[in-house]
Amino acid sequence: MADNILARLGPLFGTSPGGPTYVSEHFLNQDGRRAYRASLLAAYDQLASCENQFADDGRVRRIQQCIINVVADIETLSLGKGQQL
């Protein structure tokens, strides 16, 4: 069982980062990635609508960048699999 769990975490050691395993089939299927992406984009839009209303030292902008990075990972994985989002 422990071997199975470690395999799902992706490579823990290496000279370069691994692929976006956290959005792969072990955790999300194609429909799950599609729904997750739509929710992330909705959250991004909400943040964008109020980002200038906070004195947060750029925290909202960094959250937005994290959302963009996850959406990019989802799109990269989907393109690699030849799947439509």
Protein backbone atom coordinates (compact mmCIF):
# COMPACT_ATOMS: atom_id res chain seq x y z
CA MET A 1 0.00 0.00 0.00
CA ALA A 2 2.77 2.47 0.86
CA ASP A 3 4.36 1.88 -2.55
CA ASN A 4 1.06 2.75 -4.25
CA ILE A 5 0.73 6.01 -2.29
CA LEU A 6 4.31 7.05 -3.06
CA ALA A 7 3.80 6.35 -6.76
CA ARG A 8 0.90 8.80 -6.80
CA LEU A 9 2.94 11.59 -5.24
CA GLY A 10 5.26 11.79 -8.20
CA PRO A 11 9.02 11.93 -8.18
CA LEU A 12 10.43 13.10 -4.87
CA PHE A 13 14.04 13.22 -6.04
CA GLY A 14 15.60 14.26 -9.31
CA THR A 15 17.33 16.99 -11.22
CA SER A 16 14.17 18.61 -12.60
CA PRO A 17 10.56 18.93 -11.56
CA GLY A 18 8.16 16.21 -12.60
CA GLY A 19 4.96 16.64 -14.53
CA PRO A 20 1.72 17.95 -13.04
CA THR A 21 0.72 14.65 -11.42
CA TYR A 22 -1.69 16.38 -9.04
CA VAL A 23 -4.13 16.89 -11.96
CA SER A 24 -3.63 13.45 -13.52
CA GLU A 25 -5.84 10.37 -13.46
CA HIS A 26 -4.85 9.33 -9.96
CA PHE A 27 -6.65 12.41 -8.69
CA LEU A 28 -8.76 13.89 -11.51
CA ASN A 29 -10.19 12.43 -14.69
CA GLN A 30 -10.97 14.50 -17.80
CA ASP A 31 -14.34 15.68 -16.45
CA GLY A 32 -12.77 16.52 -13.10
CA ARG A 33 -10.04 18.58 -14.75
CA ARG A 34 -12.63 20.40 -16.85
CA ALA A 35 -14.71 21.27 -13.76
CA TYR A 36 -11.63 22.23 -11.72
CA ARG A 37 -10.39 24.51 -14.51
CA ALA A 38 -13.80 26.22 -14.78
CA SER A 39 -13.89 26.78 -11.02
CA LEU A 40 -10.35 28.17 -11.01
CA LEU A 41 -11.17 30.59 -13.83
CA ALA A 42 -14.28 31.76 -11.95
CA ALA A 43 -12.19 32.32 -8.83
CA TYR A 44 -9.61 34.23 -10.88
CA ASP A 45 -12.32 36.49 -12.29
CA GLN A 46 -13.68 37.19 -8.81
CA LEU A 47 -10.22 38.08 -7.54
CA ALA A 48 -9.56 40.28 -10.56
CA SER A 49 -12.77 42.22 -9.92
CA CYS A 50 -11.62 43.28 -6.45
CA GLU A 51 -7.82 43.00 -6.49
CA ASN A 52 -7.26 46.75 -6.08
CA GLN A 53 -9.48 46.94 -3.01
CA PHE A 54 -6.93 45.34 -0.68
CA ALA A 55 -3.76 46.56 0.98
CA ASP A 56 -2.22 43.10 0.81
CA ASP A 57 1.36 43.68 -0.38
CA GLY A 58 0.60 41.84 -3.63
CA ARG A 59 -0.90 38.72 -2.04
CA VAL A 60 -3.98 38.71 -4.30
CA ARG A 61 -1.77 39.02 -7.38
CA ARG A 62 0.33 36.06 -6.21
CA ILE A 63 -2.84 33.99 -5.67
CA GLN A 64 -3.92 34.90 -9.20
CA GLN A 65 -0.54 33.74 -10.53
CA CYS A 66 -0.92 30.42 -8.72
CA ILE A 67 -4.35 29.96 -10.32
CA ILE A 68 -2.88 30.72 -13.75
CA ASN A 69 -0.14 28.14 -13.14
CA VAL A 70 -2.63 25.41 -12.22
CA VAL A 71 -4.81 26.20 -15.25
CA ALA A 72 -1.67 25.98 -17.42
CA ASP A 73 -0.84 22.57 -15.91
CA ILE A 74 -4.37 21.34 -16.62
CA GLU A 75 -4.22 22.61 -20.20
CA THR A 76 -0.77 21.12 -20.78
CA LEU A 77 -1.85 17.71 -19.51
CA SER A 78 -5.06 17.81 -21.53
CA LEU A 79 -3.22 18.80 -24.72
CA GLY A 80 -0.72 16.02 -24.17
CA LYS A 81 -3.57 13.53 -23.90
CA GLY A 82 -5.35 15.00 -26.94
CA GLN A 83 -8.36 15.94 -24.81
CA GLN A 84 -10.68 18.91 -25.21
CA LEU A 85 -11.43 21.10 -22.21
